Amino acid sequence: MLAADCPSRKVLIHLTSCWGVLILVALSAGTHRFSELKHKISSVSERMLAQTLQWLEADGFVRRVSHPVVPPHVEYSLTRLGAHVVDA
């Protein structure tokens, strides 16, 4: 982890970024849709919210569930790992 090329550094950057922390805190209250998160976390751009959610999902902290309806309905929640990080 202390080596400059250690992959865990990217996870730490995602987890401890301003938006990463705010998303985890918002999701600690329960499942939210993208628009709800955007409203709850004022001043975050849609692009940054989407990118950070993708990072946190890839890192295993956030679960994304897409419901097959029109219009698309996507919900985000914390995984067990994400909930553990928030509680720590």
PDB file of N, CA and C in Angstrom:
ATOM      1  N   MET A   1       0.816  -1.186   0.000  1.00  0.00           N
ATOM      2  CA  MET A   1       0.000   0.000   0.000  1.00  0.00           C
ATOM      3  C   MET A   1       0.866   1.258   0.000  1.00  0.00           C
ATOM      4  N   LEU A   2       2.031   1.170   0.556  1.00  0.00           N
ATOM      5  CA  LEU A   2       2.896   2.334   0.618  1.00  0.00           C
ATOM      6  C   LEU A   2       3.649   2.578  -0.683  1.00  0.00           C
ATOM      7  N   ALA A   3       3.699   1.569  -1.540  1.00  0.00           N
ATOM      8  CA  ALA A   3       4.376   1.730  -2.827  1.00  0.00           C
ATOM      9  C   ALA A   3       3.548   2.621  -3.745  1.00  0.00           C
ATOM     10  N   ALA A   4       4.219   3.438  -4.518  1.00  0.00           N
ATOM     11  CA  ALA A   4       3.536   4.396  -5.393  1.00  0.00           C
ATOM     12  C   ALA A   4       2.644   3.721  -6.419  1.00  0.00           C
ATOM     13  N   ASP A   5       2.989   2.522  -6.854  1.00  0.00           N
ATOM     14  CA  ASP A   5       2.207   1.849  -7.892  1.00  0.00           C
ATOM     15  C   ASP A   5       1.210   0.826  -7.344  1.00  0.00           C
ATOM     16  N   CYS A   6       0.964   0.850  -6.049  1.00  0.00           N
ATOM     17  CA  CYS A   6       0.024  -0.091  -5.430  1.00  0.00           C
ATOM     18  C   CYS A   6      -1.410   0.249  -5.852  1.00  0.00           C
ATOM     19  N   PRO A   7      -2.154  -0.744  -6.374  1.00  0.00           N
ATOM     20  CA  PRO A   7      -3.542  -0.485  -6.814  1.00  0.00           C
ATOM     21  C   PRO A   7      -4.465  -0.008  -5.698  1.00  0.00           C
ATOM     22  N   SER A   8      -4.154  -0.333  -4.462  1.00  0.00           N
ATOM     23  CA  SER A   8      -5.034   0.081  -3.365  1.00  0.00           C
ATOM     24  C   SER A   8      -5.052   1.597  -3.182  1.00  0.00           C
ATOM     25  N   ARG A   9      -4.055   2.268  -3.702  1.00  0.00           N
ATOM     26  CA  ARG A   9      -4.050   3.734  -3.599  1.00  0.00           C
ATOM     27  C   ARG A   9      -5.214   4.345  -4.358  1.00  0.00           C
ATOM     28  N   LYS A  10      -5.583   3.769  -5.514  1.00  0.00           N
ATOM     29  CA  LYS A  10      -6.730   4.281  -6.261  1.00  0.00           C
ATOM     30  C   LYS A  10      -8.010   4.125  -5.452  1.00  0.00           C
ATOM     31  N   VAL A  11      -8.146   2.995  -4.770  1.00  0.00           N
ATOM     32  CA  VAL A  11      -9.323   2.769  -3.934  1.00  0.00           C
ATOM     33  C   VAL A  11      -9.371   3.811  -2.818  1.00  0.00           C
ATOM     34  N   LEU A  12      -8.245   4.071  -2.195  1.00  0.00           N
ATOM     35  CA  LEU A  12      -8.199   5.078  -1.131  1.00  0.00           C
ATOM     36  C   LEU A  12      -8.542   6.467  -1.660  1.00  0.00           C
ATOM     37  N   ILE A  13      -8.059   6.782  -2.845  1.00  0.00           N
ATOM     38  CA  ILE A  13      -8.369   8.090  -3.435  1.00  0.00           C
ATOM     39  C   ILE A  13      -9.869   8.214  -3.679  1.00  0.00           C
ATOM     40  N   HIS A  14     -10.496   7.163  -4.216  1.00  0.00           N
ATOM     41  CA  HIS A  14     -11.938   7.180  -4.461  1.00  0.00           C
ATOM     42  C   HIS A  14     -12.712   7.304  -3.156  1.00  0.00           C
ATOM     43  N   LEU A  15     -12.285   6.523  -2.179  1.00  0.00           N
ATOM     44  CA  LEU A  15     -12.989   6.458  -0.901  1.00  0.00           C
ATOM     45  C   LEU A  15     -12.886   7.749  -0.105  1.00  0.00           C
ATOM     46  N   THR A  16     -11.736   8.389  -0.153  1.00  0.00           N
ATOM     47  CA  THR A  16     -11.513   9.565   0.688  1.00  0.00           C
ATOM     48  C   THR A  16     -11.674  10.884  -0.059  1.00  0.00           C
ATOM     49  N   SER A  17     -12.087  10.816  -1.325  1.00  0.00           N
ATOM     50  CA  SER A  17     -12.331  12.065  -2.051  1.00  0.00           C
ATOM     51  C   SER A  17     -13.528  12.780  -1.434  1.00  0.00           C
ATOM     52  N   CYS A  18     -13.605  14.059  -1.671  1.00  0.00           N
ATOM     53  CA  CYS A  18     -14.730  14.845  -1.143  1.00  0.00           C
ATOM     54  C   CYS A  18     -16.060  14.224  -1.544  1.00  0.00           C
ATOM     55  N   TRP A  19     -16.229  13.939  -2.825  1.00  0.00           N
ATOM     56  CA  TRP A  19     -17.491  13.402  -3.305  1.00  0.00           C
ATOM     57  C   TRP A  19     -17.705  11.976  -2.832  1.00  0.00           C
ATOM     58  N   GLY A  20     -16.634  11.200  -2.747  1.00  0.00           N
ATOM     59  CA  GLY A  20     -16.754   9.824  -2.264  1.00  0.00           C
ATOM     60  C   GLY A  20     -17.289   9.769  -0.844  1.00  0.00           C
ATOM     61  N   VAL A  21     -16.749  10.602   0.007  1.00  0.00           N
ATOM     62  CA  VAL A  21     -17.193  10.646   1.401  1.00  0.00           C
ATOM     63  C   VAL A  21     -18.650  11.095   1.483  1.00  0.00           C
ATOM     64  N   LEU A  22     -19.004  12.136   0.739  1.00  0.00           N
ATOM     65  CA  LEU A  22     -20.379  12.644   0.789  1.00  0.00           C
ATOM     66  C   LEU A  22     -21.381  11.627   0.250  1.00  0.00           C
ATOM     67  N   ILE A  23     -21.017  10.905  -0.792  1.00  0.00           N
ATOM     68  CA  ILE A  23     -21.900   9.870  -1.331  1.00  0.00           C
ATOM     69  C   ILE A  23     -22.094   8.761  -0.312  1.00  0.00           C
ATOM     70  N   LEU A  24     -21.022   8.314   0.327  1.00  0.00           N
ATOM     71  CA  LEU A  24     -21.147   7.253   1.330  1.00  0.00           C
ATOM     72  C   LEU A  24     -22.027   7.702   2.493  1.00  0.00           C
ATOM     73  N   VAL A  25     -21.867   8.938   2.925  1.00  0.00           N
ATOM     74  CA  VAL A  25     -22.697   9.454   4.024  1.00  0.00           C
ATOM     75  C   VAL A  25     -24.158   9.517   3.592  1.00  0.00           C
ATOM     76  N   ALA A  26     -24.417  10.005   2.378  1.00  0.00           N
ATOM     77  CA  ALA A  26     -25.802  10.085   1.889  1.00  0.00           C
ATOM     78  C   ALA A  26     -26.422   8.697   1.789  1.00  0.00           C
ATOM     79  N   LEU A  27     -25.665   7.724   1.300  1.00  0.00           N
ATOM     80  CA  LEU A  27     -26.201   6.373   1.149  1.00  0.00           C
ATOM     81  C   LEU A  27     -26.319   5.628   2.474  1.00  0.00           C
ATOM     82  N   SER A  28     -25.656   6.130   3.504  1.00  0.00           N
ATOM     83  CA  SER A  28     -25.790   5.482   4.817  1.00  0.00           C
ATOM     84  C   SER A  28     -27.211   5.620   5.353  1.00  0.00           C
ATOM     85  N   ALA A  29     -27.966   6.591   4.814  1.00  0.00           N
ATOM     86  CA  ALA A  29     -29.368   6.777   5.209  1.00  0.00           C
ATOM     87  C   ALA A  29     -30.307   5.841   4.466  1.00  0.00           C
ATOM     88  N   GLY A  30     -29.794   5.125   3.470  1.00  0.00           N
ATOM     89  CA  GLY A  30     -30.626   4.184   2.723  1.00  0.00           C
ATOM     90  C   GLY A  30     -30.422   4.299   1.226  1.00  0.00           C
ATOM     91  N   THR A  31     -31.219   3.564   0.490  1.00  0.00           N
ATOM     92  CA  THR A  31     -31.146   3.506  -0.961  1.00  0.00           C
ATOM     93  C   THR A  31     -31.642   4.814  -1.578  1.00  0.00           C
ATOM     94  N   HIS A  32     -30.924   5.284  -2.609  1.00  0.00           N
ATOM     95  CA  HIS A  32     -31.285   6.520  -3.298  1.00  0.00           C
ATOM     96  C   HIS A  32     -31.158   6.346  -4.801  1.00  0.00           C
ATOM     97  N   ARG A  33     -31.995   7.068  -5.527  1.00  0.00           N
ATOM     98  CA  ARG A  33     -31.846   7.174  -6.974  1.00  0.00           C
ATOM     99  C   ARG A  33     -30.828   8.271  -7.265  1.00  0.00           C
ATOM    100  N   PHE A  34     -30.332   8.279  -8.499  1.00  0.00           N
ATOM    101  CA  PHE A  34     -29.325   9.263  -8.905  1.00  0.00           C
ATOM    102  C   PHE A  34     -29.809  10.682  -8.639  1.00  0.00           C
ATOM    103  N   SER A  35     -31.021  10.985  -9.054  1.00  0.00           N
ATOM    104  CA  SER A  35     -31.548  12.347  -8.891  1.00  0.00           C
ATOM    105  C   SER A  35     -31.670  12.730  -7.418  1.00  0.00           C
ATOM    106  N   GLU A  36     -31.986  11.763  -6.573  1.00  0.00           N
ATOM    107  CA  GLU A  36     -32.069  12.041  -5.134  1.00  0.00           C
ATOM    108  C   GLU A  36     -30.686  12.370  -4.573  1.00  0.00           C
ATOM    109  N   LEU A  37     -29.682  11.629  -5.019  1.00  0.00           N
ATOM    110  CA  LEU A  37     -28.319  11.913  -4.569  1.00  0.00           C
ATOM    111  C   LEU A  37     -27.867  13.282  -5.057  1.00  0.00           C
ATOM    112  N   LYS A  38     -28.174  13.595  -6.299  1.00  0.00           N
ATOM    113  CA  LYS A  38     -27.803  14.888  -6.878  1.00  0.00           C
ATOM    114  C   LYS A  38     -28.440  16.023  -6.073  1.00  0.00           C
ATOM    115  N   HIS A  39     -29.685  15.846  -5.679  1.00  0.00           N
ATOM    116  CA  HIS A  39     -30.382  16.852  -4.881  1.00  0.00           C
ATOM    117  C   HIS A  39     -29.809  16.939  -3.461  1.00  0.00           C
ATOM    118  N   LYS A  40     -29.490  15.794  -2.893  1.00  0.00           N
ATOM    119  CA  LYS A  40     -29.004  15.737  -1.509  1.00  0.00           C
ATOM    120  C   LYS A  40     -27.593  16.314  -1.370  1.00  0.00           C
ATOM    121  N   ILE A  41     -26.750  16.070  -2.387  1.00  0.00           N
ATOM    122  CA  ILE A  41     -25.360  16.543  -2.345  1.00  0.00           C
ATOM    123  C   ILE A  41     -25.269  17.780  -3.239  1.00  0.00           C
ATOM    124  N   SER A  42     -25.575  18.910  -2.677  1.00  0.00           N
ATOM    125  CA  SER A  42     -25.588  20.135  -3.471  1.00  0.00           C
ATOM    126  C   SER A  42     -24.184  20.455  -3.974  1.00  0.00           C
ATOM    127  N   SER A  43     -24.130  21.037  -5.122  1.00  0.00           N
ATOM    128  CA  SER A  43     -22.926  21.511  -5.816  1.00  0.00           C
ATOM    129  C   SER A  43     -22.127  20.422  -6.529  1.00  0.00           C
ATOM    130  N   VAL A  44     -22.535  19.177  -6.452  1.00  0.00           N
ATOM    131  CA  VAL A  44     -21.841  18.146  -7.222  1.00  0.00           C
ATOM    132  C   VAL A  44     -22.431  18.129  -8.634  1.00  0.00           C
ATOM    133  N   SER A  45     -21.561  18.079  -9.624  1.00  0.00           N
ATOM    134  CA  SER A  45     -22.053  18.023 -11.003  1.00  0.00           C
ATOM    135  C   SER A  45     -22.537  16.603 -11.307  1.00  0.00           C
ATOM    136  N   GLU A  46     -23.399  16.483 -12.297  1.00  0.00           N
ATOM    137  CA  GLU A  46     -23.891  15.159 -12.683  1.00  0.00           C
ATOM    138  C   GLU A  46     -22.738  14.265 -13.123  1.00  0.00           C
ATOM    139  N   ARG A  47     -21.805  14.843 -13.864  1.00  0.00           N
ATOM    140  CA  ARG A  47     -20.651  14.078 -14.347  1.00  0.00           C
ATOM    141  C   ARG A  47     -19.817  13.532 -13.185  1.00  0.00           C
ATOM    142  N   MET A  48     -19.531  14.391 -12.194  1.00  0.00           N
ATOM    143  CA  MET A  48     -18.712  13.958 -11.057  1.00  0.00           C
ATOM    144  C   MET A  48     -19.457  12.945 -10.194  1.00  0.00           C
ATOM    145  N   LEU A  49     -20.761  13.134 -10.024  1.00  0.00           N
ATOM    146  CA  LEU A  49     -21.553  12.181  -9.253  1.00  0.00           C
ATOM    147  C   LEU A  49     -21.549  10.827  -9.948  1.00  0.00           C
ATOM    148  N   ALA A  50     -21.786  10.810 -11.252  1.00  0.00           N
ATOM    149  CA  ALA A  50     -21.804   9.560 -12.008  1.00  0.00           C
ATOM    150  C   ALA A  50     -20.442   8.874 -11.957  1.00  0.00           C
ATOM    151  N   GLN A  51     -19.380   9.637 -12.149  1.00  0.00           N
ATOM    152  CA  GLN A  51     -18.031   9.072 -12.144  1.00  0.00           C
ATOM    153  C   GLN A  51     -17.675   8.501 -10.776  1.00  0.00           C
ATOM    154  N   THR A  52     -17.984   9.233  -9.719  1.00  0.00           N
ATOM    155  CA  THR A  52     -17.662   8.769  -8.370  1.00  0.00           C
ATOM    156  C   THR A  52     -18.483   7.543  -8.002  1.00  0.00           C
ATOM    157  N   LEU A  53     -19.749   7.510  -8.393  1.00  0.00           N
ATOM    158  CA  LEU A  53     -20.570   6.320  -8.152  1.00  0.00           C
ATOM    159  C   LEU A  53     -19.994   5.108  -8.886  1.00  0.00           C
ATOM    160  N   GLN A  54     -19.518   5.308 -10.103  1.00  0.00           N
ATOM    161  CA  GLN A  54     -18.907   4.210 -10.857  1.00  0.00           C
ATOM    162  C   GLN A  54     -17.655   3.708 -10.151  1.00  0.00           C
ATOM    163  N   TRP A  55     -16.824   4.623  -9.674  1.00  0.00           N
ATOM    164  CA  TRP A  55     -15.613   4.225  -8.948  1.00  0.00           C
ATOM    165  C   TRP A  55     -15.964   3.448  -7.685  1.00  0.00           C
ATOM    166  N   LEU A  56     -16.899   3.976  -6.903  1.00  0.00           N
ATOM    167  CA  LEU A  56     -17.260   3.319  -5.648  1.00  0.00           C
ATOM    168  C   LEU A  56     -17.924   1.962  -5.892  1.00  0.00           C
ATOM    169  N   GLU A  57     -18.655   1.840  -6.980  1.00  0.00           N
ATOM    170  CA  GLU A  57     -19.241   0.548  -7.339  1.00  0.00           C
ATOM    171  C   GLU A  57     -18.140  -0.439  -7.736  1.00  0.00           C
ATOM    172  N   ALA A  58     -17.204   0.006  -8.561  1.00  0.00           N
ATOM    173  CA  ALA A  58     -16.096  -0.856  -8.992  1.00  0.00           C
ATOM    174  C   ALA A  58     -15.222  -1.276  -7.809  1.00  0.00           C
ATOM    175  N   ASP A  59     -15.102  -0.402  -6.819  1.00  0.00           N
ATOM    176  CA  ASP A  59     -14.294  -0.701  -5.630  1.00  0.00           C
ATOM    177  C   ASP A  59     -15.033  -1.564  -4.619  1.00  0.00           C
ATOM    178  N   GLY A  60     -16.343  -1.791  -4.838  1.00  0.00           N
ATOM    179  CA  GLY A  60     -17.107  -2.669  -3.962  1.00  0.00           C
ATOM    180  C   GLY A  60     -17.821  -1.997  -2.803  1.00  0.00           C
ATOM    181  N   PHE A  61     -17.901  -0.665  -2.813  1.00  0.00           N
ATOM    182  CA  PHE A  61     -18.544   0.050  -1.710  1.00  0.00           C
ATOM    183  C   PHE A  61     -20.008   0.376  -1.975  1.00  0.00           C
ATOM    184  N   VAL A  62     -20.368   0.472  -3.249  1.00  0.00           N
ATOM    185  CA  VAL A  62     -21.724   0.861  -3.637  1.00  0.00           C
ATOM    186  C   VAL A  62     -22.325  -0.202  -4.550  1.00  0.00           C
ATOM    187  N   ARG A  63     -23.605  -0.476  -4.349  1.00  0.00           N
ATOM    188  CA  ARG A  63     -24.354  -1.415  -5.190  1.00  0.00           C
ATOM    189  C   ARG A  63     -25.271  -0.608  -6.095  1.00  0.00           C
ATOM    190  N   ARG A  64     -25.273  -0.941  -7.372  1.00  0.00           N
ATOM    191  CA  ARG A  64     -26.139  -0.285  -8.357  1.00  0.00           C
ATOM    192  C   ARG A  64     -27.135  -1.311  -8.857  1.00  0.00           C
ATOM    193  N   VAL A  65     -28.415  -0.997  -8.721  1.00  0.00           N
ATOM    194  CA  VAL A  65     -29.469  -1.896  -9.194  1.00  0.00           C
ATOM    195  C   VAL A  65     -30.284  -1.150 -10.239  1.00  0.00           C
ATOM    196  N   SER A  66     -30.337  -1.733 -11.437  1.00  0.00           N
ATOM    197  CA  SER A  66     -31.088  -1.147 -12.535  1.00  0.00           C
ATOM    198  C   SER A  66     -32.361  -1.950 -12.747  1.00  0.00           C
ATOM    199  N   HIS A  67     -33.502  -1.282 -12.640  1.00  0.00           N
ATOM    200  CA  HIS A  67     -34.790  -1.938 -12.830  1.00  0.00           C
ATOM    201  C   HIS A  67     -35.214  -1.795 -14.289  1.00  0.00           C
ATOM    202  N   PRO A  68     -35.650  -2.882 -14.923  1.00  0.00           N
ATOM    203  CA  PRO A  68     -35.987  -2.858 -16.353  1.00  0.00           C
ATOM    204  C   PRO A  68     -37.358  -2.220 -16.630  1.00  0.00           C
ATOM    205  N   VAL A  69     -37.434  -0.921 -16.454  1.00  0.00           N
ATOM    206  CA  VAL A  69     -38.666  -0.180 -16.711  1.00  0.00           C
ATOM    207  C   VAL A  69     -38.343   1.026 -17.592  1.00  0.00           C
ATOM    208  N   VAL A  70     -39.377   1.635 -18.132  1.00  0.00           N
ATOM    209  CA  VAL A  70     -39.209   2.849 -18.924  1.00  0.00           C
ATOM    210  C   VAL A  70     -39.956   3.967 -18.222  1.00  0.00           C
ATOM    211  N   PRO A  71     -39.312   5.066 -17.871  1.00  0.00           N
ATOM    212  CA  PRO A  71     -37.897   5.358 -18.046  1.00  0.00           C
ATOM    213  C   PRO A  71     -37.044   4.529 -17.088  1.00  0.00           C
ATOM    214  N   PRO A  72     -35.736   4.440 -17.359  1.00  0.00           N
ATOM    215  CA  PRO A  72     -34.848   3.637 -16.511  1.00  0.00           C
ATOM    216  C   PRO A  72     -34.924   4.055 -15.044  1.00  0.00           C
ATOM    217  N   HIS A  73     -34.888   3.083 -14.177  1.00  0.00           N
ATOM    218  CA  HIS A  73     -34.947   3.309 -12.730  1.00  0.00           C
ATOM    219  C   HIS A  73     -33.722   2.630 -12.123  1.00  0.00           C
ATOM    220  N   VAL A  74     -32.786   3.436 -11.644  1.00  0.00           N
ATOM    221  CA  VAL A  74     -31.538   2.922 -11.078  1.00  0.00           C
ATOM    222  C   VAL A  74     -31.452   3.371  -9.631  1.00  0.00           C
ATOM    223  N   GLU A  75     -31.129   2.429  -8.761  1.00  0.00           N
ATOM    224  CA  GLU A  75     -30.994   2.729  -7.335  1.00  0.00           C
ATOM    225  C   GLU A  75     -29.579   2.399  -6.871  1.00  0.00           C
ATOM    226  N   TYR A  76     -29.103   3.205  -5.925  1.00  0.00           N
ATOM    227  CA  TYR A  76     -27.778   3.009  -5.350  1.00  0.00           C
ATOM    228  C   TYR A  76     -27.921   2.785  -3.851  1.00  0.00           C
ATOM    229  N   SER A  77     -27.115   1.875  -3.339  1.00  0.00           N
ATOM    230  CA  SER A  77     -27.094   1.612  -1.903  1.00  0.00           C
ATOM    231  C   SER A  77     -25.689   1.167  -1.522  1.00  0.00           C
ATOM    232  N   LEU A  78     -25.443   1.108  -0.234  1.00  0.00           N
ATOM    233  CA  LEU A  78     -24.141   0.641   0.246  1.00  0.00           C
ATOM    234  C   LEU A  78     -24.095  -0.881   0.250  1.00  0.00           C
ATOM    235  N   THR A  79     -22.946  -1.434  -0.087  1.00  0.00           N
ATOM    236  CA  THR A  79     -22.708  -2.853   0.088  1.00  0.00           C
ATOM    237  C   THR A  79     -22.356  -3.074   1.564  1.00  0.00           C
ATOM    238  N   ARG A  80     -22.166  -4.313   1.939  1.00  0.00           N
ATOM    239  CA  ARG A  80     -21.741  -4.590   3.329  1.00  0.00           C
ATOM    240  C   ARG A  80     -20.397  -3.903   3.614  1.00  0.00           C
ATOM    241  N   LEU A  81     -19.505  -3.934   2.627  1.00  0.00           N
ATOM    242  CA  LEU A  81     -18.211  -3.287   2.777  1.00  0.00           C
ATOM    243  C   LEU A  81     -18.382  -1.767   2.934  1.00  0.00           C
ATOM    244  N   GLY A  82     -19.238  -1.189   2.097  1.00  0.00           N
ATOM    245  CA  GLY A  82     -19.497   0.242   2.184  1.00  0.00           C
ATOM    246  C   GLY A  82     -20.084   0.639   3.524  1.00  0.00           C
ATOM    247  N   ALA A  83     -21.037  -0.160   4.013  1.00  0.00           N
ATOM    248  CA  ALA A  83     -21.644   0.115   5.320  1.00  0.00           C
ATOM    249  C   ALA A  83     -20.599  -0.012   6.432  1.00  0.00           C
ATOM    250  N   HIS A  84     -19.707  -0.975   6.289  1.00  0.00           N
ATOM    251  CA  HIS A  84     -18.649  -1.155   7.289  1.00  0.00           C
ATOM    252  C   HIS A  84     -17.713   0.049   7.316  1.00  0.00           C
ATOM    253  N   VAL A  85     -17.398   0.569   6.153  1.00  0.00           N
ATOM    254  CA  VAL A  85     -16.508   1.750   6.068  1.00  0.00           C
ATOM    255  C   VAL A  85     -17.171   2.955   6.724  1.00  0.00           C
ATOM    256  N   VAL A  86     -18.464   3.131   6.482  1.00  0.00           N
ATOM    257  CA  VAL A  86     -19.180   4.272   7.053  1.00  0.00           C
ATOM    258  C   VAL A  86     -19.264   4.149   8.571  1.00  0.00           C
ATOM    259  N   ASP A  87     -19.470   2.922   9.057  1.00  0.00           N
ATOM    260  CA  ASP A  87     -19.604   2.706  10.492  1.00  0.00           C
ATOM    261  C   ASP A  87     -18.275   2.805  11.229  1.00  0.00           C
ATOM    262  N   ALA A  88     -17.178   2.640  10.497  1.00  0.00           N
ATOM    263  CA  ALA A  88     -15.851   2.609  11.140  1.00  0.00           C
ATOM    264  C   ALA A  88     -15.395   3.946  11.628  1.00  0.00           C
TER     265      ALA A  88
END
